[in-house]
PDB file of N, CA and C in Angstrom:
ATOM      1  N   UNK A   1       1.225 -29.054   3.970  1.00  0.00           N
ATOM      2  CA  UNK A   1       1.611 -28.997   5.375  1.00  0.00           C
ATOM      3  C   UNK A   1       2.408 -27.714   5.621  1.00  0.00           C
ATOM      4  N   UNK A   2       2.106 -27.043   6.692  1.00  0.00           N
ATOM      5  CA  UNK A   2       2.719 -25.761   7.010  1.00  0.00           C
ATOM      6  C   UNK A   2       3.809 -25.951   8.055  1.00  0.00           C
ATOM      7  N   UNK A   3       4.948 -25.288   7.847  1.00  0.00           N
ATOM      8  CA  UNK A   3       6.023 -25.296   8.835  1.00  0.00           C
ATOM      9  C   UNK A   3       5.686 -24.306   9.941  1.00  0.00           C
ATOM     10  N   UNK A   4       5.566 -24.798  11.150  1.00  0.00           N
ATOM     11  CA  UNK A   4       5.251 -23.924  12.272  1.00  0.00           C
ATOM     12  C   UNK A   4       6.430 -22.995  12.542  1.00  0.00           C
ATOM     13  N   UNK A   5       6.115 -21.750  12.859  1.00  0.00           N
ATOM     14  CA  UNK A   5       7.149 -20.790  13.194  1.00  0.00           C
ATOM     15  C   UNK A   5       7.532 -19.862  12.053  1.00  0.00           C
ATOM     16  N   UNK A   6       7.099 -20.139  10.853  1.00  0.00           N
ATOM     17  CA  UNK A   6       7.379 -19.276   9.714  1.00  0.00           C
ATOM     18  C   UNK A   6       6.091 -18.515   9.394  1.00  0.00           C
ATOM     19  N   UNK A   7       5.914 -17.367  10.027  1.00  0.00           N
ATOM     20  CA  UNK A   7       4.657 -16.626   9.987  1.00  0.00           C
ATOM     21  C   UNK A   7       4.198 -16.315   8.570  1.00  0.00           C
ATOM     22  N   UNK A   8       5.076 -15.806   7.712  1.00  0.00           N
ATOM     23  CA  UNK A   8       4.636 -15.434   6.370  1.00  0.00           C
ATOM     24  C   UNK A   8       4.217 -16.665   5.589  1.00  0.00           C
ATOM     25  N   UNK A   9       4.925 -17.756   5.755  1.00  0.00           N
ATOM     26  CA  UNK A   9       4.541 -18.966   5.035  1.00  0.00           C
ATOM     27  C   UNK A   9       3.214 -19.510   5.565  1.00  0.00           C
ATOM     28  N   UNK A  10       3.056 -19.525   6.889  1.00  0.00           N
ATOM     29  CA  UNK A  10       1.793 -20.006   7.475  1.00  0.00           C
ATOM     30  C   UNK A  10       0.612 -19.180   6.963  1.00  0.00           C
ATOM     31  N   UNK A  11       0.748 -17.869   7.015  1.00  0.00           N
ATOM     32  CA  UNK A  11      -0.353 -16.994   6.603  1.00  0.00           C
ATOM     33  C   UNK A  11      -0.616 -17.086   5.101  1.00  0.00           C
ATOM     34  N   UNK A  12       0.442 -17.190   4.315  1.00  0.00           N
ATOM     35  CA  UNK A  12       0.245 -17.277   2.869  1.00  0.00           C
ATOM     36  C   UNK A  12      -0.344 -18.624   2.470  1.00  0.00           C
ATOM     37  N   UNK A  13      -0.044 -19.669   3.214  1.00  0.00           N
ATOM     38  CA  UNK A  13      -0.618 -20.990   2.944  1.00  0.00           C
ATOM     39  C   UNK A  13      -2.130 -20.984   3.230  1.00  0.00           C
ATOM     40  N   UNK A  14      -2.507 -20.467   4.386  1.00  0.00           N
ATOM     41  CA  UNK A  14      -3.923 -20.372   4.749  1.00  0.00           C
ATOM     42  C   UNK A  14      -4.650 -19.463   3.754  1.00  0.00           C
ATOM     43  N   UNK A  15      -3.993 -18.382   3.356  1.00  0.00           N
ATOM     44  CA  UNK A  15      -4.572 -17.474   2.377  1.00  0.00           C
ATOM     45  C   UNK A  15      -4.787 -18.195   1.040  1.00  0.00           C
ATOM     46  N   UNK A  16      -3.825 -18.985   0.616  1.00  0.00           N
ATOM     47  CA  UNK A  16      -3.949 -19.743  -0.637  1.00  0.00           C
ATOM     48  C   UNK A  16      -5.154 -20.679  -0.585  1.00  0.00           C
ATOM     49  N   UNK A  17      -5.379 -21.303   0.559  1.00  0.00           N
ATOM     50  CA  UNK A  17      -6.547 -22.172   0.698  1.00  0.00           C
ATOM     51  C   UNK A  17      -7.839 -21.365   0.545  1.00  0.00           C
ATOM     52  N   UNK A  18      -7.870 -20.165   1.103  1.00  0.00           N
ATOM     53  CA  UNK A  18      -9.047 -19.291   0.941  1.00  0.00           C
ATOM     54  C   UNK A  18      -9.242 -18.900  -0.522  1.00  0.00           C
ATOM     55  N   UNK A  19      -8.151 -18.647  -1.205  1.00  0.00           N
ATOM     56  CA  UNK A  19      -8.213 -18.284  -2.620  1.00  0.00           C
ATOM     57  C   UNK A  19      -8.761 -19.450  -3.443  1.00  0.00           C
ATOM     58  N   UNK A  20      -8.328 -20.658  -3.132  1.00  0.00           N
ATOM     59  CA  UNK A  20      -8.828 -21.840  -3.841  1.00  0.00           C
ATOM     60  C   UNK A  20     -10.336 -21.980  -3.626  1.00  0.00           C
ATOM     61  N   UNK A  21     -10.783 -21.762  -2.400  1.00  0.00           N
ATOM     62  CA  UNK A  21     -12.219 -21.833  -2.111  1.00  0.00           C
ATOM     63  C   UNK A  21     -12.985 -20.724  -2.838  1.00  0.00           C
ATOM     64  N   UNK A  22     -12.397 -19.540  -2.891  1.00  0.00           N
ATOM     65  CA  UNK A  22     -13.027 -18.434  -3.623  1.00  0.00           C
ATOM     66  C   UNK A  22     -13.115 -18.771  -5.109  1.00  0.00           C
ATOM     67  N   UNK A  23     -12.066 -19.365  -5.640  1.00  0.00           N
ATOM     68  CA  UNK A  23     -12.063 -19.780  -7.047  1.00  0.00           C
ATOM     69  C   UNK A  23     -13.182 -20.782  -7.322  1.00  0.00           C
ATOM     70  N   UNK A  24     -13.323 -21.758  -6.430  1.00  0.00           N
ATOM     71  CA  UNK A  24     -14.402 -22.743  -6.590  1.00  0.00           C
ATOM     72  C   UNK A  24     -15.766 -22.059  -6.585  1.00  0.00           C
ATOM     73  N   UNK A  25     -15.963 -21.138  -5.654  1.00  0.00           N
ATOM     74  CA  UNK A  25     -17.231 -20.396  -5.588  1.00  0.00           C
ATOM     75  C   UNK A  25     -17.465 -19.615  -6.874  1.00  0.00           C
ATOM     76  N   UNK A  26     -16.449 -18.888  -7.312  1.00  0.00           N
ATOM     77  CA  UNK A  26     -16.602 -18.045  -8.499  1.00  0.00           C
ATOM     78  C   UNK A  26     -16.887 -18.857  -9.758  1.00  0.00           C
ATOM     79  N   UNK A  27     -16.253 -19.997  -9.884  1.00  0.00           N
ATOM     80  CA  UNK A  27     -16.478 -20.799 -11.089  1.00  0.00           C
ATOM     81  C   UNK A  27     -17.768 -21.606 -11.002  1.00  0.00           C
ATOM     82  N   UNK A  28     -18.065 -22.168  -9.838  1.00  0.00           N
ATOM     83  CA  UNK A  28     -19.266 -22.996  -9.691  1.00  0.00           C
ATOM     84  C   UNK A  28     -20.543 -22.159  -9.596  1.00  0.00           C
ATOM     85  N   UNK A  29     -20.548 -21.178  -8.708  1.00  0.00           N
ATOM     86  CA  UNK A  29     -21.768 -20.417  -8.441  1.00  0.00           C
ATOM     87  C   UNK A  29     -21.946 -19.199  -9.342  1.00  0.00           C
ATOM     88  N   UNK A  30     -20.861 -18.513  -9.614  1.00  0.00           N
ATOM     89  CA  UNK A  30     -20.943 -17.264 -10.371  1.00  0.00           C
ATOM     90  C   UNK A  30     -20.657 -17.453 -11.866  1.00  0.00           C
ATOM     91  N   UNK A  31     -20.150 -18.609 -12.209  1.00  0.00           N
ATOM     92  CA  UNK A  31     -19.780 -18.903 -13.610  1.00  0.00           C
ATOM     93  C   UNK A  31     -18.805 -17.859 -14.158  1.00  0.00           C
ATOM     94  N   UNK A  32     -17.882 -17.442 -13.310  1.00  0.00           N
ATOM     95  CA  UNK A  32     -16.857 -16.475 -13.684  1.00  0.00           C
ATOM     96  C   UNK A  32     -15.540 -17.244 -13.790  1.00  0.00           C
ATOM     97  N   UNK A  33     -14.923 -17.239 -14.965  1.00  0.00           N
ATOM     98  CA  UNK A  33     -13.757 -18.082 -15.195  1.00  0.00           C
ATOM     99  C   UNK A  33     -12.467 -17.309 -15.459  1.00  0.00           C
ATOM    100  N   UNK A  34     -12.537 -16.131 -16.001  1.00  0.00           N
ATOM    101  CA  UNK A  34     -11.327 -15.405 -16.396  1.00  0.00           C
ATOM    102  C   UNK A  34     -10.686 -14.694 -15.201  1.00  0.00           C
ATOM    103  N   UNK A  35     -11.442 -13.818 -14.540  1.00  0.00           N
ATOM    104  CA  UNK A  35     -10.898 -13.086 -13.394  1.00  0.00           C
ATOM    105  C   UNK A  35     -10.533 -14.033 -12.258  1.00  0.00           C
ATOM    106  N   UNK A  36     -11.374 -15.037 -12.056  1.00  0.00           N
ATOM    107  CA  UNK A  36     -11.117 -15.983 -10.968  1.00  0.00           C
ATOM    108  C   UNK A  36      -9.827 -16.767 -11.193  1.00  0.00           C
ATOM    109  N   UNK A  37      -9.502 -17.055 -12.445  1.00  0.00           N
ATOM    110  CA  UNK A  37      -8.254 -17.767 -12.755  1.00  0.00           C
ATOM    111  C   UNK A  37      -7.046 -16.887 -12.442  1.00  0.00           C
ATOM    112  N   UNK A  38      -7.169 -15.602 -12.735  1.00  0.00           N
ATOM    113  CA  UNK A  38      -6.098 -14.659 -12.402  1.00  0.00           C
ATOM    114  C   UNK A  38      -5.895 -14.592 -10.886  1.00  0.00           C
ATOM    115  N   UNK A  39      -7.015 -14.525 -10.167  1.00  0.00           N
ATOM    116  CA  UNK A  39      -6.956 -14.507  -8.701  1.00  0.00           C
ATOM    117  C   UNK A  39      -6.312 -15.780  -8.176  1.00  0.00           C
ATOM    118  N   UNK A  40      -6.701 -16.911  -8.715  1.00  0.00           N
ATOM    119  CA  UNK A  40      -6.137 -18.196  -8.288  1.00  0.00           C
ATOM    120  C   UNK A  40      -4.633 -18.230  -8.515  1.00  0.00           C
ATOM    121  N   UNK A  41      -4.204 -17.797  -9.678  1.00  0.00           N
ATOM    122  CA  UNK A  41      -2.786 -17.835 -10.014  1.00  0.00           C
ATOM    123  C   UNK A  41      -1.959 -16.940  -9.077  1.00  0.00           C
ATOM    124  N   UNK A  42      -2.375 -15.687  -8.937  1.00  0.00           N
ATOM    125  CA  UNK A  42      -1.580 -14.768  -8.112  1.00  0.00           C
ATOM    126  C   UNK A  42      -1.710 -15.076  -6.620  1.00  0.00           C
ATOM    127  N   UNK A  43      -2.915 -15.439  -6.190  1.00  0.00           N
ATOM    128  CA  UNK A  43      -3.141 -15.674  -4.764  1.00  0.00           C
ATOM    129  C   UNK A  43      -2.460 -16.905  -4.211  1.00  0.00           C
ATOM    130  N   UNK A  44      -2.283 -17.918  -5.050  1.00  0.00           N
ATOM    131  CA  UNK A  44      -1.603 -19.129  -4.578  1.00  0.00           C
ATOM    132  C   UNK A  44      -0.093 -19.060  -4.777  1.00  0.00           C
ATOM    133  N   UNK A  45       0.358 -18.210  -5.684  1.00  0.00           N
ATOM    134  CA  UNK A  45       1.800 -18.127  -5.918  1.00  0.00           C
ATOM    135  C   UNK A  45       2.541 -17.433  -4.771  1.00  0.00           C
ATOM    136  N   UNK A  46       1.840 -16.647  -3.978  1.00  0.00           N
ATOM    137  CA  UNK A  46       2.478 -15.971  -2.839  1.00  0.00           C
ATOM    138  C   UNK A  46       3.117 -17.008  -1.919  1.00  0.00           C
ATOM    139  N   UNK A  47       2.326 -17.993  -1.517  1.00  0.00           N
ATOM    140  CA  UNK A  47       2.832 -19.035  -0.622  1.00  0.00           C
ATOM    141  C   UNK A  47       3.907 -19.886  -1.260  1.00  0.00           C
ATOM    142  N   UNK A  48       3.758 -20.165  -2.566  1.00  0.00           N
ATOM    143  CA  UNK A  48       4.764 -20.960  -3.265  1.00  0.00           C
ATOM    144  C   UNK A  48       6.117 -20.244  -3.266  1.00  0.00           C
ATOM    145  N   UNK A  49       6.079 -18.948  -3.480  1.00  0.00           N
ATOM    146  CA  UNK A  49       7.320 -18.170  -3.465  1.00  0.00           C
ATOM    147  C   UNK A  49       7.926 -18.101  -2.063  1.00  0.00           C
ATOM    148  N   UNK A  50       7.083 -17.976  -1.054  1.00  0.00           N
ATOM    149  CA  UNK A  50       7.582 -17.976   0.328  1.00  0.00           C
ATOM    150  C   UNK A  50       8.212 -19.318   0.669  1.00  0.00           C
ATOM    151  N   UNK A  51       7.621 -20.391   0.178  1.00  0.00           N
ATOM    152  CA  UNK A  51       8.179 -21.730   0.392  1.00  0.00           C
ATOM    153  C   UNK A  51       9.534 -21.853  -0.301  1.00  0.00           C
ATOM    154  N   UNK A  52       9.617 -21.378  -1.544  1.00  0.00           N
ATOM    155  CA  UNK A  52      10.898 -21.388  -2.254  1.00  0.00           C
ATOM    156  C   UNK A  52      11.956 -20.599  -1.496  1.00  0.00           C
ATOM    157  N   UNK A  53      11.563 -19.480  -0.933  1.00  0.00           N
ATOM    158  CA  UNK A  53      12.504 -18.604  -0.233  1.00  0.00           C
ATOM    159  C   UNK A  53      13.106 -19.276   1.001  1.00  0.00           C
ATOM    160  N   UNK A  54      12.406 -20.256   1.559  1.00  0.00           N
ATOM    161  CA  UNK A  54      12.940 -20.964   2.726  1.00  0.00           C
ATOM    162  C   UNK A  54      14.263 -21.652   2.408  1.00  0.00           C
ATOM    163  N   UNK A  55      14.477 -21.976   1.144  1.00  0.00           N
ATOM    164  CA  UNK A  55      15.713 -22.661   0.740  1.00  0.00           C
ATOM    165  C   UNK A  55      16.441 -21.865  -0.334  1.00  0.00           C
ATOM    166  N   UNK A  56      16.409 -20.561  -0.174  1.00  0.00           N
ATOM    167  CA  UNK A  56      17.099 -19.692  -1.124  1.00  0.00           C
ATOM    168  C   UNK A  56      18.599 -19.957  -1.083  1.00  0.00           C
ATOM    169  N   UNK A  57      19.241 -19.724  -2.214  1.00  0.00           N
ATOM    170  CA  UNK A  57      20.678 -19.988  -2.314  1.00  0.00           C
ATOM    171  C   UNK A  57      21.520 -18.903  -1.664  1.00  0.00           C
ATOM    172  N   UNK A  58      20.932 -17.721  -1.478  1.00  0.00           N
ATOM    173  CA  UNK A  58      21.650 -16.605  -0.875  1.00  0.00           C
ATOM    174  C   UNK A  58      20.633 -15.602  -0.344  1.00  0.00           C
ATOM    175  N   UNK A  59      21.134 -14.602   0.363  1.00  0.00           N
ATOM    176  CA  UNK A  59      20.249 -13.534   0.841  1.00  0.00           C
ATOM    177  C   UNK A  59      19.639 -12.784  -0.341  1.00  0.00           C
ATOM    178  N   UNK A  60      20.430 -12.601  -1.391  1.00  0.00           N
ATOM    179  CA  UNK A  60      19.920 -11.916  -2.585  1.00  0.00           C
ATOM    180  C   UNK A  60      18.816 -12.746  -3.252  1.00  0.00           C
ATOM    181  N   UNK A  61      18.985 -14.057  -3.294  1.00  0.00           N
ATOM    182  CA  UNK A  61      17.956 -14.943  -3.857  1.00  0.00           C
ATOM    183  C   UNK A  61      16.697 -14.891  -2.998  1.00  0.00           C
ATOM    184  N   UNK A  62      16.880 -14.903  -1.677  1.00  0.00           N
ATOM    185  CA  UNK A  62      15.751 -14.782  -0.749  1.00  0.00           C
ATOM    186  C   UNK A  62      15.001 -13.472  -1.001  1.00  0.00           C
ATOM    187  N   UNK A  63      15.756 -12.381  -1.113  1.00  0.00           N
ATOM    188  CA  UNK A  63      15.147 -11.071  -1.347  1.00  0.00           C
ATOM    189  C   UNK A  63      14.376 -11.065  -2.661  1.00  0.00           C
ATOM    190  N   UNK A  64      14.939 -11.644  -3.694  1.00  0.00           N
ATOM    191  CA  UNK A  64      14.271 -11.701  -4.981  1.00  0.00           C
ATOM    192  C   UNK A  64      12.943 -12.446  -4.882  1.00  0.00           C
ATOM    193  N   UNK A  65      12.939 -13.597  -4.228  1.00  0.00           N
ATOM    194  CA  UNK A  65      11.715 -14.386  -4.093  1.00  0.00           C
ATOM    195  C   UNK A  65      10.664 -13.639  -3.279  1.00  0.00           C
ATOM    196  N   UNK A  66      11.085 -12.967  -2.233  1.00  0.00           N
ATOM    197  CA  UNK A  66      10.149 -12.202  -1.414  1.00  0.00           C
ATOM    198  C   UNK A  66       9.616 -10.985  -2.172  1.00  0.00           C
ATOM    199  N   UNK A  67      10.455 -10.376  -2.998  1.00  0.00           N
ATOM    200  CA  UNK A  67       9.990  -9.266  -3.839  1.00  0.00           C
ATOM    201  C   UNK A  67       8.936  -9.731  -4.829  1.00  0.00           C
ATOM    202  N   UNK A  68       9.143 -10.893  -5.427  1.00  0.00           N
ATOM    203  CA  UNK A  68       8.159 -11.422  -6.367  1.00  0.00           C
ATOM    204  C   UNK A  68       6.872 -11.787  -5.626  1.00  0.00           C
ATOM    205  N   UNK A  69       6.997 -12.355  -4.424  1.00  0.00           N
ATOM    206  CA  UNK A  69       5.816 -12.663  -3.610  1.00  0.00           C
ATOM    207  C   UNK A  69       5.040 -11.385  -3.300  1.00  0.00           C
ATOM    208  N   UNK A  70       5.751 -10.313  -3.013  1.00  0.00           N
ATOM    209  CA  UNK A  70       5.121  -9.015  -2.748  1.00  0.00           C
ATOM    210  C   UNK A  70       4.354  -8.530  -3.987  1.00  0.00           C
ATOM    211  N   UNK A  71       4.945  -8.674  -5.150  1.00  0.00           N
ATOM    212  CA  UNK A  71       4.260  -8.285  -6.380  1.00  0.00           C
ATOM    213  C   UNK A  71       3.004  -9.122  -6.601  1.00  0.00           C
ATOM    214  N   UNK A  72       3.077 -10.409  -6.320  1.00  0.00           N
ATOM    215  CA  UNK A  72       1.917 -11.294  -6.478  1.00  0.00           C
ATOM    216  C   UNK A  72       0.810 -10.922  -5.494  1.00  0.00           C
ATOM    217  N   UNK A  73       1.193 -10.569  -4.279  1.00  0.00           N
ATOM    218  CA  UNK A  73       0.197 -10.150  -3.280  1.00  0.00           C
ATOM    219  C   UNK A  73      -0.479  -8.859  -3.716  1.00  0.00           C
ATOM    220  N   UNK A  74       0.307  -7.958  -4.263  1.00  0.00           N
ATOM    221  CA  UNK A  74      -0.250  -6.698  -4.763  1.00  0.00           C
ATOM    222  C   UNK A  74      -1.210  -6.959  -5.922  1.00  0.00           C
ATOM    223  N   UNK A  75      -0.836  -7.870  -6.811  1.00  0.00           N
ATOM    224  CA  UNK A  75      -1.717  -8.226  -7.927  1.00  0.00           C
ATOM    225  C   UNK A  75      -3.004  -8.892  -7.415  1.00  0.00           C
ATOM    226  N   UNK A  76      -2.873  -9.731  -6.410  1.00  0.00           N
ATOM    227  CA  UNK A  76      -4.042 -10.398  -5.824  1.00  0.00           C
ATOM    228  C   UNK A  76      -5.015  -9.371  -5.274  1.00  0.00           C
ATOM    229  N   UNK A  77      -4.481  -8.360  -4.614  1.00  0.00           N
ATOM    230  CA  UNK A  77      -5.319  -7.282  -4.091  1.00  0.00           C
ATOM    231  C   UNK A  77      -6.089  -6.598  -5.226  1.00  0.00           C
ATOM    232  N   UNK A  78      -5.440  -6.416  -6.352  1.00  0.00           N
ATOM    233  CA  UNK A  78      -6.079  -5.819  -7.527  1.00  0.00           C
ATOM    234  C   UNK A  78      -7.244  -6.689  -8.014  1.00  0.00           C
ATOM    235  N   UNK A  79      -7.018  -7.991  -8.183  1.00  0.00           N
ATOM    236  CA  UNK A  79      -8.082  -8.876  -8.679  1.00  0.00           C
ATOM    237  C   UNK A  79      -9.244  -8.942  -7.697  1.00  0.00           C
ATOM    238  N   UNK A  80      -8.949  -8.906  -6.407  1.00  0.00           N
ATOM    239  CA  UNK A  80     -10.029  -8.896  -5.415  1.00  0.00           C
ATOM    240  C   UNK A  80     -10.897  -7.650  -5.567  1.00  0.00           C
ATOM    241  N   UNK A  81     -10.250  -6.514  -5.782  1.00  0.00           N
ATOM    242  CA  UNK A  81     -10.998  -5.264  -5.976  1.00  0.00           C
ATOM    243  C   UNK A  81     -11.859  -5.323  -7.229  1.00  0.00           C
ATOM    244  N   UNK A  82     -11.306  -5.850  -8.300  1.00  0.00           N
ATOM    245  CA  UNK A  82     -12.070  -5.983  -9.553  1.00  0.00           C
ATOM    246  C   UNK A  82     -13.285  -6.889  -9.336  1.00  0.00           C
ATOM    247  N   UNK A  83     -13.079  -8.007  -8.660  1.00  0.00           N
ATOM    248  CA  UNK A  83     -14.185  -8.938  -8.417  1.00  0.00           C
ATOM    249  C   UNK A  83     -15.267  -8.313  -7.541  1.00  0.00           C
ATOM    250  N   UNK A  84     -14.859  -7.506  -6.569  1.00  0.00           N
ATOM    251  CA  UNK A  84     -15.847  -6.819  -5.722  1.00  0.00           C
ATOM    252  C   UNK A  84     -16.597  -5.758  -6.524  1.00  0.00           C
ATOM    253  N   UNK A  85     -15.851  -4.921  -7.221  1.00  0.00           N
ATOM    254  CA  UNK A  85     -16.472  -3.810  -7.948  1.00  0.00           C
ATOM    255  C   UNK A  85     -17.324  -4.276  -9.125  1.00  0.00           C
ATOM    256  N   UNK A  86     -17.061  -5.461  -9.630  1.00  0.00           N
ATOM    257  CA  UNK A  86     -17.894  -6.016 -10.698  1.00  0.00           C
ATOM    258  C   UNK A  86     -19.007  -6.904 -10.140  1.00  0.00           C
ATOM    259  N   UNK A  87     -19.104  -6.932  -8.808  1.00  0.00           N
ATOM    260  CA  UNK A  87     -20.176  -7.610  -8.065  1.00  0.00           C
ATOM    261  C   UNK A  87     -20.181  -9.130  -8.203  1.00  0.00           C
ATOM    262  N   UNK A  88     -18.990  -9.703  -8.422  1.00  0.00           N
ATOM    263  CA  UNK A  88     -18.882 -11.165  -8.383  1.00  0.00           C
ATOM    264  C   UNK A  88     -18.734 -11.652  -6.945  1.00  0.00           C
ATOM    265  N   UNK A  89     -18.174 -10.798  -6.069  1.00  0.00           N
ATOM    266  CA  UNK A  89     -18.129 -11.108  -4.637  1.00  0.00           C
ATOM    267  C   UNK A  89     -18.743  -9.933  -3.877  1.00  0.00           C
ATOM    268  N   UNK A  90     -19.395 -10.253  -2.774  1.00  0.00           N
ATOM    269  CA  UNK A  90     -20.053  -9.195  -2.002  1.00  0.00           C
ATOM    270  C   UNK A  90     -19.059  -8.492  -1.082  1.00  0.00           C
ATOM    271  N   UNK A  91     -19.501  -7.391  -0.529  1.00  0.00           N
ATOM    272  CA  UNK A  91     -18.655  -6.547   0.312  1.00  0.00           C
ATOM    273  C   UNK A  91     -18.113  -7.293   1.527  1.00  0.00           C
ATOM    274  N   UNK A  92     -18.946  -8.103   2.162  1.00  0.00           N
ATOM    275  CA  UNK A  92     -18.520  -8.849   3.357  1.00  0.00           C
ATOM    276  C   UNK A  92     -17.412  -9.837   3.025  1.00  0.00           C
ATOM    277  N   UNK A  93     -17.595 -10.589   1.965  1.00  0.00           N
ATOM    278  CA  UNK A  93     -16.572 -11.555   1.546  1.00  0.00           C
ATOM    279  C   UNK A  93     -15.287 -10.833   1.164  1.00  0.00           C
ATOM    280  N   UNK A  94     -15.447  -9.743   0.446  1.00  0.00           N
ATOM    281  CA  UNK A  94     -14.285  -8.957   0.033  1.00  0.00           C
ATOM    282  C   UNK A  94     -13.489  -8.467   1.245  1.00  0.00           C
ATOM    283  N   UNK A  95     -14.178  -7.857   2.194  1.00  0.00           N
ATOM    284  CA  UNK A  95     -13.486  -7.312   3.369  1.00  0.00           C
ATOM    285  C   UNK A  95     -12.747  -8.395   4.136  1.00  0.00           C
ATOM    286  N   UNK A  96     -13.354  -9.558   4.241  1.00  0.00           N
ATOM    287  CA  UNK A  96     -12.744 -10.659   4.971  1.00  0.00           C
ATOM    288  C   UNK A  96     -11.431 -11.104   4.320  1.00  0.00           C
ATOM    289  N   UNK A  97     -11.473 -11.361   3.038  1.00  0.00           N
ATOM    290  CA  UNK A  97     -10.271 -11.847   2.351  1.00  0.00           C
ATOM    291  C   UNK A  97      -9.270 -10.722   2.107  1.00  0.00           C
ATOM    292  N   UNK A  98      -9.753  -9.502   1.927  1.00  0.00           N
ATOM    293  CA  UNK A  98      -8.882  -8.350   1.739  1.00  0.00           C
ATOM    294  C   UNK A  98      -8.070  -8.061   2.999  1.00  0.00           C
ATOM    295  N   UNK A  99      -8.673  -8.271   4.155  1.00  0.00           N
ATOM    296  CA  UNK A  99      -7.960  -8.084   5.419  1.00  0.00           C
ATOM    297  C   UNK A  99      -6.752  -9.014   5.481  1.00  0.00           C
ATOM    298  N   UNK A 100      -6.950 -10.266   5.091  1.00  0.00           N
ATOM    299  CA  UNK A 100      -5.844 -11.229   5.070  1.00  0.00           C
ATOM    300  C   UNK A 100      -4.785 -10.825   4.049  1.00  0.00           C
ATOM    301  N   UNK A 101      -5.222 -10.378   2.884  1.00  0.00           N
ATOM    302  CA  UNK A 101      -4.294  -9.962   1.838  1.00  0.00           C
ATOM    303  C   UNK A 101      -3.462  -8.763   2.312  1.00  0.00           C
ATOM    304  N   UNK A 102      -4.085  -7.817   2.948  1.00  0.00           N
ATOM    305  CA  UNK A 102      -3.378  -6.635   3.460  1.00  0.00           C
ATOM    306  C   UNK A 102      -2.344  -7.016   4.510  1.00  0.00           C
ATOM    307  N   UNK A 103      -2.698  -7.961   5.366  1.00  0.00           N
ATOM    308  CA  UNK A 103      -1.753  -8.416   6.393  1.00  0.00           C
ATOM    309  C   UNK A 103      -0.529  -9.061   5.740  1.00  0.00           C
ATOM    310  N   UNK A 104      -0.751  -9.874   4.724  1.00  0.00           N
ATOM    311  CA  UNK A 104       0.349 -10.510   4.008  1.00  0.00           C
ATOM    312  C   UNK A 104       1.208  -9.449   3.312  1.00  0.00           C
ATOM    313  N   UNK A 105       0.564  -8.467   2.706  1.00  0.00           N
ATOM    314  CA  UNK A 105       1.311  -7.378   2.075  1.00  0.00           C
ATOM    315  C   UNK A 105       2.211  -6.663   3.090  1.00  0.00           C
ATOM    316  N   UNK A 106       1.658  -6.341   4.254  1.00  0.00           N
ATOM    317  CA  UNK A 106       2.458  -5.657   5.291  1.00  0.00           C
ATOM    318  C   UNK A 106       3.643  -6.510   5.729  1.00  0.00           C
ATOM    319  N   UNK A 107       3.412  -7.804   5.920  1.00  0.00           N
ATOM    320  CA  UNK A 107       4.510  -8.701   6.313  1.00  0.00           C
ATOM    321  C   UNK A 107       5.588  -8.751   5.237  1.00  0.00           C
ATOM    322  N   UNK A 108       5.181  -8.881   3.988  1.00  0.00           N
ATOM    323  CA  UNK A 108       6.152  -8.964   2.901  1.00  0.00           C
ATOM    324  C   UNK A 108       6.932  -7.660   2.747  1.00  0.00           C
ATOM    325  N   UNK A 109       6.254  -6.542   2.885  1.00  0.00           N
ATOM    326  CA  UNK A 109       6.950  -5.244   2.824  1.00  0.00           C
ATOM    327  C   UNK A 109       8.004  -5.172   3.914  1.00  0.00           C
ATOM    328  N   UNK A 110       7.651  -5.587   5.112  1.00  0.00           N
ATOM    329  CA  UNK A 110       8.593  -5.574   6.233  1.00  0.00           C
ATOM    330  C   UNK A 110       9.778  -6.513   5.965  1.00  0.00           C
ATOM    331  N   UNK A 111       9.495  -7.701   5.472  1.00  0.00           N
ATOM    332  CA  UNK A 111      10.563  -8.668   5.177  1.00  0.00           C
ATOM    333  C   UNK A 111      11.505  -8.113   4.109  1.00  0.00           C
ATOM    334  N   UNK A 112      10.945  -7.542   3.062  1.00  0.00           N
ATOM    335  CA  UNK A 112      11.766  -6.995   1.975  1.00  0.00           C
ATOM    336  C   UNK A 112      12.635  -5.848   2.486  1.00  0.00           C
ATOM    337  N   UNK A 113      12.034  -4.924   3.245  1.00  0.00           N
ATOM    338  CA  UNK A 113      12.799  -3.789   3.774  1.00  0.00           C
ATOM    339  C   UNK A 113      13.927  -4.260   4.692  1.00  0.00           C
ATOM    340  N   UNK A 114      13.608  -5.166   5.607  1.00  0.00           N
ATOM    341  CA  UNK A 114      14.616  -5.672   6.551  1.00  0.00           C
ATOM    342  C   UNK A 114      15.740  -6.385   5.815  1.00  0.00           C
ATOM    343  N   UNK A 115      15.373  -7.193   4.843  1.00  0.00           N
ATOM    344  CA  UNK A 115      16.381  -7.942   4.086  1.00  0.00           C
ATOM    345  C   UNK A 115      17.267  -6.995   3.287  1.00  0.00           C
ATOM    346  N   UNK A 116      16.694  -5.968   2.681  1.00  0.00           N
ATOM    347  CA  UNK A 116      17.495  -4.984   1.935  1.00  0.00           C
ATOM    348  C   UNK A 116      18.492  -4.301   2.852  1.00  0.00           C
ATOM    349  N   UNK A 117      18.063  -4.017   4.072  1.00  0.00           N
ATOM    350  CA  UNK A 117      18.953  -3.332   5.025  1.00  0.00           C
ATOM    351  C   UNK A 117      20.091  -4.219   5.505  1.00  0.00           C
ATOM    352  N   UNK A 118      19.923  -5.532   5.412  1.00  0.00           N
ATOM    353  CA  UNK A 118      20.992  -6.430   5.884  1.00  0.00           C
ATOM    354  C   UNK A 118      21.956  -6.837   4.767  1.00  0.00           C
ATOM    355  N   UNK A 119      21.638  -6.467   3.538  1.00  0.00           N
ATOM    356  CA  UNK A 119      22.537  -6.812   2.419  1.00  0.00           C
ATOM    357  C   UNK A 119      23.673  -5.821   2.297  1.00  0.00           C
TER     358      UNK A 119
END
């Protein structure tokens, strides 16, 4: 269940659902298990970290969780590129999910920068 009004959490939750569906496709249809597992791990951890950050113990703890979420989003972007370039996913699918990943990256960068400036 998504908390309304928390844009990064909402977007990362929906993104995680897309990643889970991509994982199912990659394992069921493409019989790809290694790269897809990496994508699943990094792509779903973004939302988990954003959820944790909602109840951070301090601004520094919040910043740390958002920084780790940013790293996971960056890693997810890497695995998506590998899957596209190795032809496990087609260009159309890649562009669709990459657009969402880029949006999440931009949001996380903004959150991290703003939070650093307020510390």
